[in-house]
Amino acid sequence: MLPSGKLAVEFAKPVIHALQEKGISKIGAGEFCWGAKVVVELAKDADIQVAALLHPTFVTLGDIKGVKVPVAILGAEFDKISPPELVKQFEAALKAKPEVVHFVKIFPGVSGSC
């Protein structure tokens, strides 16, 4: 993960814990582009209860295999960074984990970019 991504995860965790201390028990996170890497890291540790990844940059198949919470992944038909083939691999990995509720969609005719 990029150093800034690791830093973002470390910034997010105290915020999540502070919300939990105030009695908030359901926390979700969604991000676009490189921020999706931050969200997937939180989803792997179950620091959040639901995740949404849009044009998920820097996210790997290994990351997706580690997700422990419900997740939505939204991709674009024309995307060099998160190509449909990769998003389909993410979907296949999630289908192999029936305990993880998931939704994956590739939007036809749409271009993805940062």
N, C-alpha and C. Protein backbone atom coordinates (compact mmCIF):
# COMPACT_ATOMS: atom_id res chain seq x y z
N MET A 1 0.84 -1.17 0.00
CA MET A 1 0.00 0.00 0.00
C MET A 1 0.89 1.23 0.00
N LEU A 2 0.42 2.28 -0.62
CA LEU A 2 1.17 3.53 -0.63
C LEU A 2 1.29 4.07 0.79
N PRO A 3 2.39 4.73 1.10
CA PRO A 3 2.54 5.29 2.45
C PRO A 3 1.36 6.17 2.85
N SER A 4 0.85 6.98 1.92
CA SER A 4 -0.28 7.85 2.25
C SER A 4 -1.52 7.02 2.56
N GLY A 5 -1.66 5.85 1.93
CA GLY A 5 -2.79 4.96 2.21
C GLY A 5 -2.70 4.39 3.61
N LYS A 6 -1.50 3.98 4.00
CA LYS A 6 -1.30 3.46 5.36
C LYS A 6 -1.62 4.55 6.38
N LEU A 7 -1.19 5.75 6.08
CA LEU A 7 -1.45 6.87 6.98
C LEU A 7 -2.94 7.14 7.08
N ALA A 8 -3.65 7.06 5.96
CA ALA A 8 -5.10 7.28 5.96
C ALA A 8 -5.82 6.24 6.81
N VAL A 9 -5.39 4.99 6.73
CA VAL A 9 -5.98 3.93 7.56
C VAL A 9 -5.74 4.25 9.03
N GLU A 10 -4.54 4.67 9.36
CA GLU A 10 -4.23 5.00 10.76
C GLU A 10 -5.00 6.21 11.25
N PHE A 11 -5.32 7.16 10.35
CA PHE A 11 -6.16 8.30 10.73
C PHE A 11 -7.60 7.87 10.92
N ALA A 12 -8.06 6.93 10.10
CA ALA A 12 -9.46 6.50 10.15
C ALA A 12 -9.78 5.70 11.41
N LYS A 13 -8.87 4.87 11.83
CA LYS A 13 -9.16 3.98 12.97
C LYS A 13 -9.54 4.72 14.25
N PRO A 14 -8.84 5.78 14.66
CA PRO A 14 -9.26 6.49 15.87
C PRO A 14 -10.64 7.15 15.73
N VAL A 15 -10.96 7.59 14.53
CA VAL A 15 -12.28 8.18 14.29
C VAL A 15 -13.35 7.10 14.47
N ILE A 16 -13.11 5.93 13.89
CA ILE A 16 -14.05 4.81 14.03
C ILE A 16 -14.20 4.43 15.50
N HIS A 17 -13.10 4.33 16.20
CA HIS A 17 -13.16 3.94 17.62
C HIS A 17 -13.87 5.01 18.46
N ALA A 18 -13.68 6.27 18.13
CA ALA A 18 -14.37 7.35 18.85
C ALA A 18 -15.88 7.27 18.62
N LEU A 19 -16.28 6.97 17.40
CA LEU A 19 -17.71 6.80 17.12
C LEU A 19 -18.28 5.62 17.89
N GLN A 20 -17.53 4.54 17.94
CA GLN A 20 -17.98 3.36 18.68
C GLN A 20 -18.12 3.66 20.17
N GLU A 21 -17.21 4.46 20.71
CA GLU A 21 -17.29 4.83 22.12
C GLU A 21 -18.53 5.66 22.41
N LYS A 22 -19.04 6.35 21.40
CA LYS A 22 -20.26 7.14 21.56
C LYS A 22 -21.52 6.30 21.32
N GLY A 23 -21.33 5.00 21.12
CA GLY A 23 -22.48 4.11 20.97
C GLY A 23 -22.88 3.80 19.55
N ILE A 24 -22.15 4.31 18.59
CA ILE A 24 -22.46 4.01 17.19
C ILE A 24 -21.87 2.64 16.87
N SER A 25 -22.75 1.72 16.53
CA SER A 25 -22.28 0.34 16.34
C SER A 25 -22.19 -0.07 14.87
N LYS A 26 -22.77 0.69 13.99
CA LYS A 26 -22.74 0.36 12.56
C LYS A 26 -22.05 1.49 11.80
N ILE A 27 -20.90 1.19 11.24
CA ILE A 27 -20.12 2.20 10.52
C ILE A 27 -19.77 1.65 9.15
N GLY A 28 -20.05 2.44 8.13
CA GLY A 28 -19.71 2.06 6.77
C GLY A 28 -18.73 3.06 6.18
N ALA A 29 -18.04 2.61 5.15
CA ALA A 29 -17.09 3.49 4.48
C ALA A 29 -17.15 3.23 2.98
N GLY A 30 -17.05 4.30 2.22
CA GLY A 30 -17.02 4.19 0.77
C GLY A 30 -16.01 5.18 0.23
N GLU A 31 -15.33 4.78 -0.81
CA GLU A 31 -14.32 5.66 -1.41
C GLU A 31 -14.16 5.38 -2.89
N PHE A 32 -13.65 6.36 -3.56
CA PHE A 32 -13.39 6.34 -4.99
C PHE A 32 -11.88 6.34 -5.22
N CYS A 33 -11.45 5.61 -6.21
CA CYS A 33 -10.06 5.60 -6.66
C CYS A 33 -9.13 5.06 -5.57
N TRP A 34 -8.04 5.77 -5.25
CA TRP A 34 -7.07 5.22 -4.31
C TRP A 34 -7.65 5.09 -2.91
N GLY A 35 -8.66 5.87 -2.60
CA GLY A 35 -9.31 5.76 -1.28
C GLY A 35 -9.96 4.40 -1.06
N ALA A 36 -10.27 3.71 -2.16
CA ALA A 36 -10.85 2.37 -2.04
C ALA A 36 -9.88 1.42 -1.34
N LYS A 37 -8.60 1.65 -1.52
CA LYS A 37 -7.59 0.82 -0.84
C LYS A 37 -7.70 0.99 0.67
N VAL A 38 -7.94 2.21 1.11
CA VAL A 38 -8.10 2.48 2.53
C VAL A 38 -9.33 1.73 3.06
N VAL A 39 -10.43 1.82 2.33
CA VAL A 39 -11.67 1.17 2.75
C VAL A 39 -11.49 -0.35 2.80
N VAL A 40 -10.83 -0.92 1.79
CA VAL A 40 -10.66 -2.38 1.79
C VAL A 40 -9.79 -2.82 2.97
N GLU A 41 -8.82 -2.02 3.35
CA GLU A 41 -8.00 -2.36 4.51
C GLU A 41 -8.86 -2.36 5.78
N LEU A 42 -9.75 -1.40 5.91
CA LEU A 42 -10.65 -1.36 7.06
C LEU A 42 -11.61 -2.55 7.04
N ALA A 43 -12.04 -2.95 5.84
CA ALA A 43 -12.97 -4.08 5.70
C ALA A 43 -12.29 -5.42 6.00
N LYS A 44 -10.99 -5.48 5.78
CA LYS A 44 -10.25 -6.72 6.09
C LYS A 44 -10.11 -6.93 7.59
N ASP A 45 -10.02 -5.85 8.34
CA ASP A 45 -9.89 -5.94 9.79
C ASP A 45 -11.25 -5.86 10.49
N ALA A 46 -12.32 -5.72 9.69
CA ALA A 46 -13.68 -5.57 10.22
C ALA A 46 -13.79 -4.35 11.15
N ASP A 47 -13.03 -3.30 10.85
CA ASP A 47 -13.16 -2.05 11.60
C ASP A 47 -14.45 -1.34 11.24
N ILE A 48 -15.01 -1.68 10.08
CA ILE A 48 -16.27 -1.14 9.61
C ILE A 48 -17.23 -2.30 9.40
N GLN A 49 -18.51 -1.98 9.21
CA GLN A 49 -19.49 -3.05 9.04
C GLN A 49 -19.96 -3.21 7.60
N VAL A 50 -19.64 -2.26 6.75
CA VAL A 50 -19.99 -2.35 5.33
C VAL A 50 -19.03 -1.45 4.55
N ALA A 51 -18.74 -1.86 3.29
CA ALA A 51 -17.78 -1.12 2.47
C ALA A 51 -18.30 -0.94 1.06
N ALA A 52 -17.93 0.18 0.45
CA ALA A 52 -18.24 0.43 -0.96
C ALA A 52 -16.96 0.90 -1.64
N LEU A 53 -16.60 0.22 -2.73
CA LEU A 53 -15.39 0.54 -3.49
C LEU A 53 -15.80 0.96 -4.89
N LEU A 54 -15.42 2.15 -5.29
CA LEU A 54 -15.77 2.68 -6.60
C LEU A 54 -14.50 2.96 -7.37
N HIS A 55 -14.36 2.36 -8.58
CA HIS A 55 -13.13 2.50 -9.35
C HIS A 55 -11.95 2.18 -8.43
N PRO A 56 -11.91 0.94 -7.89
CA PRO A 56 -10.96 0.60 -6.82
C PRO A 56 -9.51 0.49 -7.27
N THR A 57 -8.78 1.57 -7.11
CA THR A 57 -7.37 1.64 -7.49
C THR A 57 -6.48 1.08 -6.38
N PHE A 58 -5.45 0.36 -6.76
CA PHE A 58 -4.48 -0.25 -5.85
C PHE A 58 -5.04 -1.42 -5.05
N VAL A 59 -6.30 -1.78 -5.28
CA VAL A 59 -6.91 -2.92 -4.59
C VAL A 59 -6.51 -4.19 -5.34
N THR A 60 -6.09 -5.20 -4.60
CA THR A 60 -5.65 -6.46 -5.21
C THR A 60 -6.66 -7.57 -4.95
N LEU A 61 -6.50 -8.65 -5.68
CA LEU A 61 -7.34 -9.82 -5.47
C LEU A 61 -7.14 -10.34 -4.04
N GLY A 62 -5.92 -10.30 -3.56
CA GLY A 62 -5.65 -10.70 -2.18
C GLY A 62 -6.39 -9.84 -1.17
N ASP A 63 -6.49 -8.54 -1.45
CA ASP A 63 -7.26 -7.65 -0.58
C ASP A 63 -8.71 -8.11 -0.50
N ILE A 64 -9.29 -8.36 -1.66
CA ILE A 64 -10.70 -8.75 -1.73
C ILE A 64 -10.92 -10.07 -1.00
N LYS A 65 -10.00 -10.99 -1.15
CA LYS A 65 -10.13 -12.28 -0.46
C LYS A 65 -10.11 -12.12 1.05
N GLY A 66 -9.54 -11.02 1.53
CA GLY A 66 -9.46 -10.77 2.97
C GLY A 66 -10.63 -10.00 3.55
N VAL A 67 -11.56 -9.53 2.71
CA VAL A 67 -12.69 -8.74 3.18
C VAL A 67 -13.59 -9.59 4.08
N LYS A 68 -14.02 -9.00 5.20
CA LYS A 68 -14.84 -9.72 6.18
C LYS A 68 -16.24 -9.14 6.33
N VAL A 69 -16.53 -8.04 5.65
CA VAL A 69 -17.82 -7.37 5.82
C VAL A 69 -18.52 -7.24 4.46
N PRO A 70 -19.84 -7.00 4.47
CA PRO A 70 -20.54 -6.79 3.20
C PRO A 70 -19.86 -5.68 2.39
N VAL A 71 -19.79 -5.90 1.07
CA VAL A 71 -19.06 -4.96 0.22
C VAL A 71 -19.76 -4.79 -1.13
N ALA A 72 -19.75 -3.57 -1.62
CA ALA A 72 -20.20 -3.27 -2.98
C ALA A 72 -18.99 -2.78 -3.76
N ILE A 73 -18.84 -3.30 -4.97
CA ILE A 73 -17.74 -2.87 -5.83
C ILE A 73 -18.34 -2.40 -7.14
N LEU A 74 -18.08 -1.15 -7.49
CA LEU A 74 -18.62 -0.56 -8.70
C LEU A 74 -17.48 -0.20 -9.64
N GLY A 75 -17.54 -0.73 -10.85
CA GLY A 75 -16.49 -0.49 -11.84
C GLY A 75 -17.06 0.09 -13.12
N ALA A 76 -16.18 0.42 -14.03
CA ALA A 76 -16.55 1.00 -15.32
C ALA A 76 -16.11 0.05 -16.44
N GLU A 77 -16.85 0.09 -17.53
CA GLU A 77 -16.51 -0.76 -18.68
C GLU A 77 -15.14 -0.40 -19.25
N PHE A 78 -14.83 0.88 -19.27
CA PHE A 78 -13.57 1.36 -19.84
C PHE A 78 -12.72 1.94 -18.72
N ASP A 79 -11.85 1.13 -18.17
CA ASP A 79 -11.04 1.56 -17.04
C ASP A 79 -9.71 0.83 -17.10
N LYS A 80 -8.64 1.56 -17.35
CA LYS A 80 -7.31 0.95 -17.46
C LYS A 80 -6.72 0.60 -16.10
N ILE A 81 -7.13 1.31 -15.07
CA ILE A 81 -6.57 1.08 -13.74
C ILE A 81 -7.30 -0.06 -13.03
N SER A 82 -8.61 -0.07 -13.14
CA SER A 82 -9.44 -1.14 -12.55
C SER A 82 -10.27 -1.76 -13.67
N PRO A 83 -9.64 -2.50 -14.56
CA PRO A 83 -10.35 -3.02 -15.73
C PRO A 83 -11.45 -4.02 -15.33
N PRO A 84 -12.46 -4.15 -16.19
CA PRO A 84 -13.55 -5.08 -15.89
C PRO A 84 -13.08 -6.49 -15.57
N GLU A 85 -12.01 -6.93 -16.22
CA GLU A 85 -11.50 -8.27 -15.94
C GLU A 85 -11.10 -8.42 -14.47
N LEU A 86 -10.48 -7.39 -13.92
CA LEU A 86 -10.08 -7.42 -12.52
C LEU A 86 -11.31 -7.39 -11.61
N VAL A 87 -12.25 -6.54 -11.94
CA VAL A 87 -13.48 -6.44 -11.14
C VAL A 87 -14.21 -7.79 -11.15
N LYS A 88 -14.20 -8.47 -12.29
CA LYS A 88 -14.83 -9.80 -12.37
C LYS A 88 -14.07 -10.81 -11.50
N GLN A 89 -12.76 -10.68 -11.41
CA GLN A 89 -11.99 -11.54 -10.50
C GLN A 89 -12.38 -11.27 -9.04
N PHE A 90 -12.58 -9.99 -8.74
CA PHE A 90 -13.04 -9.63 -7.39
C PHE A 90 -14.37 -10.32 -7.10
N GLU A 91 -15.28 -10.26 -8.07
CA GLU A 91 -16.59 -10.86 -7.89
C GLU A 91 -16.48 -12.37 -7.68
N ALA A 92 -15.65 -13.03 -8.46
CA ALA A 92 -15.46 -14.48 -8.32
C ALA A 92 -14.92 -14.82 -6.93
N ALA A 93 -13.98 -14.02 -6.45
CA ALA A 93 -13.42 -14.26 -5.11
C ALA A 93 -14.49 -14.10 -4.04
N LEU A 94 -15.36 -13.13 -4.22
CA LEU A 94 -16.42 -12.91 -3.24
C LEU A 94 -17.47 -14.02 -3.30
N LYS A 95 -17.75 -14.51 -4.49
CA LYS A 95 -18.72 -15.61 -4.61
C LYS A 95 -18.21 -16.86 -3.89
N ALA A 96 -16.91 -17.00 -3.79
CA ALA A 96 -16.32 -18.14 -3.08
C ALA A 96 -16.41 -17.97 -1.56
N LYS A 97 -16.87 -16.79 -1.12
CA LYS A 97 -17.02 -16.52 0.31
C LYS A 97 -18.49 -16.23 0.60
N PRO A 98 -19.34 -17.25 0.71
CA PRO A 98 -20.77 -17.00 0.89
C PRO A 98 -21.11 -16.24 2.17
N GLU A 99 -20.21 -16.22 3.11
CA GLU A 99 -20.46 -15.49 4.35
C GLU A 99 -20.33 -13.97 4.18
N VAL A 100 -19.78 -13.53 3.06
CA VAL A 100 -19.62 -12.09 2.80
C VAL A 100 -20.65 -11.67 1.74
N VAL A 101 -21.63 -10.90 2.18
CA VAL A 101 -22.63 -10.37 1.26
C VAL A 101 -21.93 -9.37 0.35
N HIS A 102 -22.24 -9.44 -0.95
CA HIS A 102 -21.55 -8.54 -1.88
C HIS A 102 -22.45 -8.17 -3.05
N PHE A 103 -22.10 -7.05 -3.66
CA PHE A 103 -22.75 -6.57 -4.88
C PHE A 103 -21.64 -6.03 -5.77
N VAL A 104 -21.58 -6.52 -6.99
CA VAL A 104 -20.55 -6.06 -7.93
C VAL A 104 -21.25 -5.67 -9.22
N LYS A 105 -20.92 -4.49 -9.72
CA LYS A 105 -21.51 -4.02 -10.98
C LYS A 105 -20.45 -3.30 -11.80
N ILE A 106 -20.42 -3.63 -13.08
CA ILE A 106 -19.60 -2.91 -14.05
C ILE A 106 -20.56 -2.11 -14.91
N PHE A 107 -20.41 -0.80 -14.91
CA PHE A 107 -21.33 0.06 -15.64
C PHE A 107 -20.94 0.14 -17.11
N PRO A 108 -21.82 -0.34 -18.01
CA PRO A 108 -21.51 -0.33 -19.44
C PRO A 108 -21.46 1.09 -19.99
N GLY A 109 -20.52 1.30 -20.92
CA GLY A 109 -20.40 2.59 -21.58
C GLY A 109 -19.77 3.68 -20.74
N VAL A 110 -19.29 3.33 -19.56
CA VAL A 110 -18.73 4.32 -18.63
C VAL A 110 -17.21 4.18 -18.61
N SER A 111 -16.52 5.33 -18.52
CA SER A 111 -15.07 5.35 -18.40
C SER A 111 -14.69 5.66 -16.96
N GLY A 112 -13.67 4.98 -16.47
CA GLY A 112 -13.18 5.25 -15.12
C GLY A 112 -11.80 5.87 -15.20
N SER A 113 -11.59 6.88 -14.38
CA SER A 113 -10.27 7.51 -14.33
C SER A 113 -10.16 8.32 -13.05
N CYS A 114 -8.92 8.61 -12.68
CA CYS A 114 -8.68 9.45 -11.50
C CYS A 114 -8.42 10.87 -11.93
